[in-house]
């Protein structure tokens, strides 16, 4: 949660350990499970955020047959989550990965893999609704200049 809210550079291992202490963990146990340190922990946090969002996205897209309605429902769900966090908890991956661009390749690769999984769900939803492949690719990759 700290990485999601503060980003990679503004979150220290000691701060993470402090949060862990509230869950009866110690700084030593943080290093035991993440011996490489913050980079390894950030990768694990991105995997966790990826899985949580993937499951939510799959559920919302699966609930609505029409892709436009599914995207509208997704926006409502995301808005509810943002509102509940007092507008603090955004994307579980972006805040962590933005500050590492060009410096922490493992974090960047893990974030790219997560975004690709999410695009894959959107792609499959659009394709199943009968939209042609070239349009599906463009729609599922909106904003991605690398594909």
N, C-alpha and C. Protein backbone atom coordinates (compact mmCIF):
# COMPACT_ATOMS: atom_id res chain seq x y z
N UNK A 1 0.82 -1.18 0.00
CA UNK A 1 0.00 0.00 0.00
C UNK A 1 0.87 1.26 0.00
N UNK A 2 1.99 1.22 0.73
CA UNK A 2 2.88 2.39 0.76
C UNK A 2 3.44 2.70 -0.62
N UNK A 3 3.88 1.68 -1.33
CA UNK A 3 4.42 1.90 -2.68
C UNK A 3 3.34 2.45 -3.60
N UNK A 4 2.13 1.97 -3.46
CA UNK A 4 1.02 2.44 -4.28
C UNK A 4 0.72 3.91 -4.00
N UNK A 5 0.83 4.30 -2.77
CA UNK A 5 0.49 5.68 -2.39
C UNK A 5 1.65 6.65 -2.56
N UNK A 6 2.87 6.19 -2.28
CA UNK A 6 4.01 7.10 -2.23
C UNK A 6 4.99 6.95 -3.38
N UNK A 7 4.94 5.82 -4.08
CA UNK A 7 5.91 5.57 -5.13
C UNK A 7 7.16 4.90 -4.61
N UNK A 8 7.98 4.45 -5.53
CA UNK A 8 9.18 3.69 -5.20
C UNK A 8 10.19 4.53 -4.43
N UNK A 9 10.52 5.71 -4.94
CA UNK A 9 11.56 6.52 -4.33
C UNK A 9 11.17 7.08 -2.97
N UNK A 10 9.91 7.36 -2.76
CA UNK A 10 9.47 7.97 -1.51
C UNK A 10 9.10 6.96 -0.42
N UNK A 11 9.32 5.67 -0.70
CA UNK A 11 9.01 4.63 0.27
C UNK A 11 10.29 3.89 0.63
N UNK A 12 10.64 3.93 1.90
CA UNK A 12 11.86 3.28 2.35
C UNK A 12 11.59 1.92 2.98
N UNK A 13 12.61 1.09 2.98
CA UNK A 13 12.50 -0.25 3.58
C UNK A 13 12.15 -0.13 5.07
N UNK A 14 12.74 0.82 5.76
CA UNK A 14 12.43 0.97 7.18
C UNK A 14 10.96 1.36 7.38
N UNK A 15 10.44 2.18 6.49
CA UNK A 15 9.03 2.55 6.57
C UNK A 15 8.14 1.33 6.31
N UNK A 16 8.53 0.52 5.36
CA UNK A 16 7.80 -0.72 5.06
C UNK A 16 7.86 -1.64 6.28
N UNK A 17 9.03 -1.73 6.88
CA UNK A 17 9.18 -2.56 8.08
C UNK A 17 8.33 -2.04 9.22
N UNK A 18 8.20 -0.73 9.34
CA UNK A 18 7.35 -0.15 10.37
C UNK A 18 5.90 -0.60 10.17
N UNK A 19 5.44 -0.57 8.94
CA UNK A 19 4.09 -1.06 8.63
C UNK A 19 4.00 -2.55 8.94
N UNK A 20 5.07 -3.28 8.63
CA UNK A 20 5.09 -4.72 8.89
C UNK A 20 5.05 -5.01 10.38
N UNK A 21 5.68 -4.16 11.18
CA UNK A 21 5.67 -4.35 12.64
C UNK A 21 4.24 -4.33 13.17
N UNK A 22 3.41 -3.52 12.57
CA UNK A 22 2.02 -3.49 12.99
C UNK A 22 1.34 -4.83 12.73
N UNK A 23 1.92 -5.60 11.82
CA UNK A 23 1.41 -6.94 11.52
C UNK A 23 2.29 -8.00 12.19
N UNK A 24 3.03 -7.59 13.23
CA UNK A 24 3.89 -8.48 14.02
C UNK A 24 5.10 -8.98 13.23
N UNK A 25 5.60 -8.20 12.28
CA UNK A 25 6.81 -8.56 11.54
C UNK A 25 7.93 -7.61 11.94
N UNK A 26 9.16 -7.96 11.61
CA UNK A 26 10.32 -7.14 11.95
C UNK A 26 11.07 -6.76 10.68
N UNK A 27 11.99 -5.81 10.81
CA UNK A 27 12.83 -5.44 9.68
C UNK A 27 13.60 -6.67 9.18
N UNK A 28 14.06 -7.49 10.11
CA UNK A 28 14.77 -8.71 9.73
C UNK A 28 13.90 -9.64 8.90
N UNK A 29 12.63 -9.74 9.25
CA UNK A 29 11.75 -10.62 8.47
C UNK A 29 11.48 -10.05 7.08
N UNK A 30 11.44 -8.73 6.97
CA UNK A 30 11.28 -8.12 5.64
C UNK A 30 12.47 -8.52 4.77
N UNK A 31 13.69 -8.39 5.32
CA UNK A 31 14.88 -8.78 4.55
C UNK A 31 14.97 -10.29 4.34
N UNK A 32 14.39 -11.06 5.26
CA UNK A 32 14.38 -12.51 5.08
C UNK A 32 13.56 -12.89 3.85
N UNK A 33 12.39 -12.29 3.70
CA UNK A 33 11.52 -12.62 2.57
C UNK A 33 11.90 -11.87 1.30
N UNK A 34 12.60 -10.75 1.45
CA UNK A 34 13.02 -9.95 0.30
C UNK A 34 14.50 -9.60 0.45
N UNK A 35 15.38 -10.62 0.31
CA UNK A 35 16.81 -10.40 0.57
C UNK A 35 17.46 -9.38 -0.36
N UNK A 36 16.90 -9.18 -1.54
CA UNK A 36 17.47 -8.20 -2.47
C UNK A 36 17.07 -6.78 -2.06
N UNK A 37 16.04 -6.68 -1.22
CA UNK A 37 15.64 -5.37 -0.71
C UNK A 37 14.41 -4.81 -1.39
N UNK A 38 14.38 -3.50 -1.46
CA UNK A 38 13.19 -2.78 -1.93
C UNK A 38 12.81 -3.15 -3.36
N UNK A 39 13.78 -3.35 -4.22
CA UNK A 39 13.48 -3.71 -5.60
C UNK A 39 12.67 -5.01 -5.66
N UNK A 40 13.10 -6.00 -4.93
CA UNK A 40 12.40 -7.29 -4.90
C UNK A 40 11.01 -7.13 -4.29
N UNK A 41 10.91 -6.33 -3.26
CA UNK A 41 9.63 -6.07 -2.61
C UNK A 41 8.69 -5.34 -3.57
N UNK A 42 9.21 -4.38 -4.34
CA UNK A 42 8.39 -3.65 -5.31
C UNK A 42 7.85 -4.58 -6.39
N UNK A 43 8.68 -5.50 -6.85
CA UNK A 43 8.23 -6.48 -7.84
C UNK A 43 7.09 -7.33 -7.26
N UNK A 44 7.25 -7.77 -6.02
CA UNK A 44 6.19 -8.56 -5.37
C UNK A 44 4.92 -7.73 -5.20
N UNK A 45 5.06 -6.45 -4.86
CA UNK A 45 3.90 -5.59 -4.70
C UNK A 45 3.18 -5.39 -6.03
N UNK A 46 3.94 -5.26 -7.11
CA UNK A 46 3.32 -5.12 -8.43
C UNK A 46 2.60 -6.41 -8.81
N UNK A 47 3.20 -7.55 -8.54
CA UNK A 47 2.51 -8.83 -8.82
C UNK A 47 1.18 -8.90 -8.05
N UNK A 48 1.22 -8.48 -6.80
CA UNK A 48 0.02 -8.50 -5.97
C UNK A 48 -1.04 -7.54 -6.54
N UNK A 49 -0.64 -6.32 -6.86
CA UNK A 49 -1.57 -5.35 -7.44
C UNK A 49 -2.11 -5.82 -8.77
N UNK A 50 -1.25 -6.43 -9.57
CA UNK A 50 -1.66 -6.98 -10.86
C UNK A 50 -2.76 -8.01 -10.67
N UNK A 51 -2.55 -8.94 -9.77
CA UNK A 51 -3.52 -10.01 -9.55
C UNK A 51 -4.85 -9.46 -9.03
N UNK A 52 -4.79 -8.54 -8.09
CA UNK A 52 -6.03 -7.95 -7.56
C UNK A 52 -6.81 -7.23 -8.65
N UNK A 53 -6.12 -6.40 -9.43
CA UNK A 53 -6.82 -5.65 -10.48
C UNK A 53 -7.30 -6.57 -11.59
N UNK A 54 -6.49 -7.57 -11.93
CA UNK A 54 -6.87 -8.54 -12.96
C UNK A 54 -8.18 -9.23 -12.59
N UNK A 55 -8.29 -9.67 -11.35
CA UNK A 55 -9.51 -10.35 -10.90
C UNK A 55 -10.71 -9.41 -10.92
N UNK A 56 -10.51 -8.17 -10.48
CA UNK A 56 -11.60 -7.19 -10.51
C UNK A 56 -12.01 -6.88 -11.94
N UNK A 57 -11.03 -6.67 -12.81
CA UNK A 57 -11.31 -6.38 -14.22
C UNK A 57 -12.04 -7.54 -14.88
N UNK A 58 -11.59 -8.75 -14.61
CA UNK A 58 -12.24 -9.93 -15.19
C UNK A 58 -13.69 -10.04 -14.72
N UNK A 59 -13.92 -9.79 -13.45
CA UNK A 59 -15.28 -9.87 -12.91
C UNK A 59 -16.19 -8.81 -13.53
N UNK A 60 -15.70 -7.59 -13.62
CA UNK A 60 -16.52 -6.51 -14.18
C UNK A 60 -16.78 -6.75 -15.66
N UNK A 61 -15.77 -7.12 -16.41
CA UNK A 61 -15.95 -7.37 -17.84
C UNK A 61 -16.85 -8.58 -18.08
N UNK A 62 -16.80 -9.55 -17.19
CA UNK A 62 -17.63 -10.74 -17.34
C UNK A 62 -19.09 -10.51 -16.96
N UNK A 63 -19.33 -9.49 -16.19
CA UNK A 63 -20.69 -9.23 -15.71
C UNK A 63 -21.57 -8.56 -16.77
N UNK A 64 -20.97 -7.81 -17.66
CA UNK A 64 -21.71 -7.09 -18.70
C UNK A 64 -21.38 -7.68 -20.07
N UNK A 65 -22.40 -7.99 -20.85
CA UNK A 65 -22.16 -8.52 -22.19
C UNK A 65 -21.63 -7.45 -23.13
N UNK A 66 -22.22 -6.26 -23.08
CA UNK A 66 -21.84 -5.17 -23.96
C UNK A 66 -20.53 -4.54 -23.46
N UNK A 67 -19.50 -4.46 -24.31
CA UNK A 67 -18.22 -3.94 -23.84
C UNK A 67 -18.29 -2.48 -23.38
N UNK A 68 -19.11 -1.66 -24.01
CA UNK A 68 -19.24 -0.26 -23.58
C UNK A 68 -19.83 -0.19 -22.17
N UNK A 69 -20.82 -1.01 -21.92
CA UNK A 69 -21.40 -1.04 -20.57
C UNK A 69 -20.40 -1.61 -19.55
N UNK A 70 -19.61 -2.57 -20.00
CA UNK A 70 -18.61 -3.16 -19.11
C UNK A 70 -17.57 -2.10 -18.72
N UNK A 71 -17.13 -1.30 -19.68
CA UNK A 71 -16.15 -0.26 -19.38
C UNK A 71 -16.77 0.80 -18.47
N UNK A 72 -18.04 1.15 -18.70
CA UNK A 72 -18.72 2.11 -17.82
C UNK A 72 -18.82 1.54 -16.40
N UNK A 73 -19.13 0.25 -16.29
CA UNK A 73 -19.20 -0.38 -14.97
C UNK A 73 -17.83 -0.39 -14.30
N UNK A 74 -16.78 -0.63 -15.08
CA UNK A 74 -15.42 -0.59 -14.56
C UNK A 74 -15.10 0.79 -14.01
N UNK A 75 -15.46 1.82 -14.76
CA UNK A 75 -15.21 3.19 -14.30
C UNK A 75 -15.94 3.48 -13.00
N UNK A 76 -17.16 3.00 -12.87
CA UNK A 76 -17.91 3.19 -11.62
C UNK A 76 -17.22 2.47 -10.47
N UNK A 77 -16.77 1.25 -10.71
CA UNK A 77 -16.09 0.47 -9.68
C UNK A 77 -14.80 1.16 -9.24
N UNK A 78 -14.03 1.64 -10.20
CA UNK A 78 -12.78 2.33 -9.88
C UNK A 78 -13.05 3.63 -9.12
N UNK A 79 -14.08 4.35 -9.53
CA UNK A 79 -14.45 5.59 -8.85
C UNK A 79 -14.84 5.32 -7.40
N UNK A 80 -15.59 4.25 -7.18
CA UNK A 80 -15.98 3.90 -5.81
C UNK A 80 -14.75 3.60 -4.95
N UNK A 81 -13.78 2.90 -5.52
CA UNK A 81 -12.56 2.60 -4.80
C UNK A 81 -11.75 3.85 -4.48
N UNK A 82 -11.64 4.73 -5.45
CA UNK A 82 -10.93 5.99 -5.21
C UNK A 82 -11.63 6.82 -4.13
N UNK A 83 -12.93 6.91 -4.24
CA UNK A 83 -13.70 7.68 -3.25
C UNK A 83 -13.52 7.08 -1.85
N UNK A 84 -13.58 5.77 -1.75
CA UNK A 84 -13.44 5.09 -0.46
C UNK A 84 -12.06 5.34 0.16
N UNK A 85 -11.04 5.54 -0.67
CA UNK A 85 -9.69 5.80 -0.16
C UNK A 85 -9.42 7.29 0.00
N UNK A 86 -10.44 8.09 -0.12
CA UNK A 86 -10.30 9.55 -0.07
C UNK A 86 -9.37 10.03 -1.18
N UNK A 87 -9.47 9.40 -2.34
CA UNK A 87 -8.76 9.76 -3.57
C UNK A 87 -7.25 9.54 -3.45
N UNK A 88 -6.83 8.61 -2.61
CA UNK A 88 -5.41 8.34 -2.41
C UNK A 88 -4.94 7.12 -3.20
N UNK A 89 -5.74 6.07 -3.24
CA UNK A 89 -5.30 4.80 -3.85
C UNK A 89 -5.69 4.74 -5.33
N UNK A 90 -4.73 5.06 -6.18
CA UNK A 90 -4.95 4.94 -7.61
C UNK A 90 -4.52 3.58 -8.12
N UNK A 91 -3.95 3.58 -9.30
CA UNK A 91 -3.48 2.34 -9.91
C UNK A 91 -2.45 1.67 -9.01
N UNK A 92 -2.61 0.37 -8.77
CA UNK A 92 -1.68 -0.32 -7.88
C UNK A 92 -0.29 -0.51 -8.46
N UNK A 93 -0.09 -0.13 -9.69
CA UNK A 93 1.20 -0.36 -10.34
C UNK A 93 1.87 0.94 -10.79
N UNK A 94 1.10 1.86 -11.30
CA UNK A 94 1.68 3.06 -11.90
C UNK A 94 2.56 3.85 -10.94
N UNK A 95 2.09 4.13 -9.75
CA UNK A 95 2.87 4.95 -8.82
C UNK A 95 4.20 4.28 -8.49
N UNK A 96 4.19 2.98 -8.34
CA UNK A 96 5.42 2.26 -8.04
C UNK A 96 6.38 2.28 -9.22
N UNK A 97 5.85 2.08 -10.42
CA UNK A 97 6.72 1.93 -11.58
C UNK A 97 7.19 3.23 -12.20
N UNK A 98 6.42 4.29 -12.09
CA UNK A 98 6.81 5.55 -12.75
C UNK A 98 8.17 6.06 -12.29
N UNK A 99 8.42 6.03 -11.02
CA UNK A 99 9.68 6.54 -10.50
C UNK A 99 10.88 5.68 -10.79
N UNK A 100 10.67 4.52 -11.36
CA UNK A 100 11.80 3.62 -11.60
C UNK A 100 12.22 3.57 -13.06
N UNK A 101 11.57 4.36 -13.90
CA UNK A 101 11.84 4.32 -15.34
C UNK A 101 13.32 4.56 -15.61
N UNK A 102 13.91 3.64 -16.36
CA UNK A 102 15.31 3.74 -16.73
C UNK A 102 16.30 3.38 -15.63
N UNK A 103 15.80 3.03 -14.43
CA UNK A 103 16.70 2.76 -13.32
C UNK A 103 16.54 1.38 -12.71
N UNK A 104 15.32 0.85 -12.72
CA UNK A 104 15.04 -0.43 -12.05
C UNK A 104 14.31 -1.34 -13.05
N UNK A 105 15.08 -2.00 -13.91
CA UNK A 105 14.47 -2.78 -14.99
C UNK A 105 13.49 -3.86 -14.52
N UNK A 106 13.76 -4.51 -13.41
CA UNK A 106 12.86 -5.57 -12.94
C UNK A 106 11.46 -5.02 -12.65
N UNK A 107 11.40 -3.84 -12.07
CA UNK A 107 10.11 -3.21 -11.78
C UNK A 107 9.42 -2.84 -13.09
N UNK A 108 10.16 -2.30 -14.03
CA UNK A 108 9.58 -1.91 -15.31
C UNK A 108 9.04 -3.11 -16.08
N UNK A 109 9.79 -4.19 -16.10
CA UNK A 109 9.35 -5.41 -16.80
C UNK A 109 8.10 -5.98 -16.14
N UNK A 110 8.08 -6.02 -14.83
CA UNK A 110 6.94 -6.56 -14.11
C UNK A 110 5.70 -5.72 -14.36
N UNK A 111 5.85 -4.40 -14.36
CA UNK A 111 4.72 -3.50 -14.64
C UNK A 111 4.22 -3.71 -16.07
N UNK A 112 5.12 -3.81 -17.01
CA UNK A 112 4.72 -4.02 -18.42
C UNK A 112 3.96 -5.33 -18.58
N UNK A 113 4.40 -6.36 -17.89
CA UNK A 113 3.69 -7.65 -17.95
C UNK A 113 2.28 -7.53 -17.38
N UNK A 114 2.14 -6.78 -16.29
CA UNK A 114 0.81 -6.58 -15.69
C UNK A 114 -0.10 -5.84 -16.66
N UNK A 115 0.39 -4.76 -17.23
CA UNK A 115 -0.43 -3.99 -18.17
C UNK A 115 -0.82 -4.84 -19.37
N UNK A 116 0.08 -5.69 -19.83
CA UNK A 116 -0.22 -6.58 -20.96
C UNK A 116 -1.33 -7.56 -20.59
N UNK A 117 -1.31 -8.08 -19.36
CA UNK A 117 -2.39 -8.99 -18.92
C UNK A 117 -3.74 -8.27 -18.92
N UNK A 118 -3.74 -7.04 -18.44
CA UNK A 118 -5.00 -6.28 -18.39
C UNK A 118 -5.50 -5.98 -19.80
N UNK A 119 -4.57 -5.58 -20.68
CA UNK A 119 -4.97 -5.34 -22.09
C UNK A 119 -5.50 -6.62 -22.71
N UNK A 120 -4.92 -7.75 -22.34
CA UNK A 120 -5.39 -9.03 -22.88
C UNK A 120 -6.84 -9.29 -22.52
N UNK A 121 -7.22 -8.98 -21.29
CA UNK A 121 -8.63 -9.15 -20.89
C UNK A 121 -9.55 -8.25 -21.70
N UNK A 122 -9.14 -6.99 -21.87
CA UNK A 122 -9.95 -6.06 -22.65
C UNK A 122 -10.02 -6.53 -24.10
N UNK A 123 -8.90 -6.95 -24.64
CA UNK A 123 -8.85 -7.48 -26.00
C UNK A 123 -9.84 -8.63 -26.17
N UNK A 124 -9.79 -9.59 -25.26
CA UNK A 124 -10.67 -10.75 -25.36
C UNK A 124 -12.15 -10.36 -25.26
N UNK A 125 -12.45 -9.40 -24.40
CA UNK A 125 -13.83 -8.94 -24.25
C UNK A 125 -14.31 -8.29 -25.54
N UNK A 126 -13.50 -7.43 -26.11
CA UNK A 126 -13.88 -6.75 -27.34
C UNK A 126 -14.01 -7.75 -28.50
N UNK A 127 -13.09 -8.67 -28.58
CA UNK A 127 -13.12 -9.68 -29.66
C UNK A 127 -14.36 -10.56 -29.53
N UNK A 128 -14.71 -10.95 -28.32
CA UNK A 128 -15.88 -11.80 -28.10
C UNK A 128 -17.18 -11.07 -28.44
N UNK A 129 -17.14 -9.75 -28.42
CA UNK A 129 -18.35 -8.99 -28.74
C UNK A 129 -18.51 -8.79 -30.24
N UNK A 130 -17.56 -9.29 -31.04
CA UNK A 130 -17.69 -9.22 -32.48
C UNK A 130 -16.92 -8.09 -33.15
N UNK A 131 -16.14 -7.36 -32.41
CA UNK A 131 -15.34 -6.28 -33.00
C UNK A 131 -14.17 -6.89 -33.74
N UNK A 132 -13.87 -6.35 -34.92
CA UNK A 132 -12.79 -6.86 -35.75
C UNK A 132 -11.42 -6.73 -35.10
N UNK A 133 -10.53 -7.63 -35.49
CA UNK A 133 -9.21 -7.71 -34.85
C UNK A 133 -8.42 -6.41 -34.89
N UNK A 134 -8.39 -5.73 -36.04
CA UNK A 134 -7.60 -4.49 -36.10
C UNK A 134 -8.18 -3.43 -35.17
N UNK A 135 -9.50 -3.34 -35.08
CA UNK A 135 -10.11 -2.39 -34.16
C UNK A 135 -9.90 -2.81 -32.71
N UNK A 136 -9.99 -4.12 -32.45
CA UNK A 136 -9.77 -4.62 -31.09
C UNK A 136 -8.37 -4.25 -30.62
N UNK A 137 -7.39 -4.47 -31.48
CA UNK A 137 -6.01 -4.16 -31.11
C UNK A 137 -5.88 -2.68 -30.77
N UNK A 138 -6.40 -1.82 -31.63
CA UNK A 138 -6.32 -0.37 -31.38
C UNK A 138 -7.04 0.02 -30.10
N UNK A 139 -8.22 -0.51 -29.88
CA UNK A 139 -8.99 -0.16 -28.69
C UNK A 139 -8.36 -0.69 -27.41
N UNK A 140 -7.86 -1.90 -27.45
CA UNK A 140 -7.26 -2.49 -26.25
C UNK A 140 -5.92 -1.86 -25.91
N UNK A 141 -5.30 -1.21 -26.87
CA UNK A 141 -3.98 -0.62 -26.66
C UNK A 141 -4.01 0.91 -26.65
N UNK A 142 -5.15 1.49 -26.42
CA UNK A 142 -5.27 2.95 -26.38
C UNK A 142 -4.23 3.52 -25.43
N UNK A 143 -3.47 4.47 -25.91
CA UNK A 143 -2.46 5.12 -25.08
C UNK A 143 -1.12 4.42 -25.09
N UNK A 144 -1.03 3.22 -25.61
CA UNK A 144 0.23 2.49 -25.64
C UNK A 144 0.92 2.75 -26.98
N UNK A 145 2.00 3.48 -26.97
CA UNK A 145 2.69 3.86 -28.19
C UNK A 145 3.73 2.83 -28.61
N UNK A 146 3.89 1.74 -27.85
CA UNK A 146 4.96 0.79 -28.13
C UNK A 146 4.50 -0.44 -28.89
N UNK A 147 3.21 -0.66 -29.02
CA UNK A 147 2.75 -1.88 -29.72
C UNK A 147 2.34 -1.58 -31.13
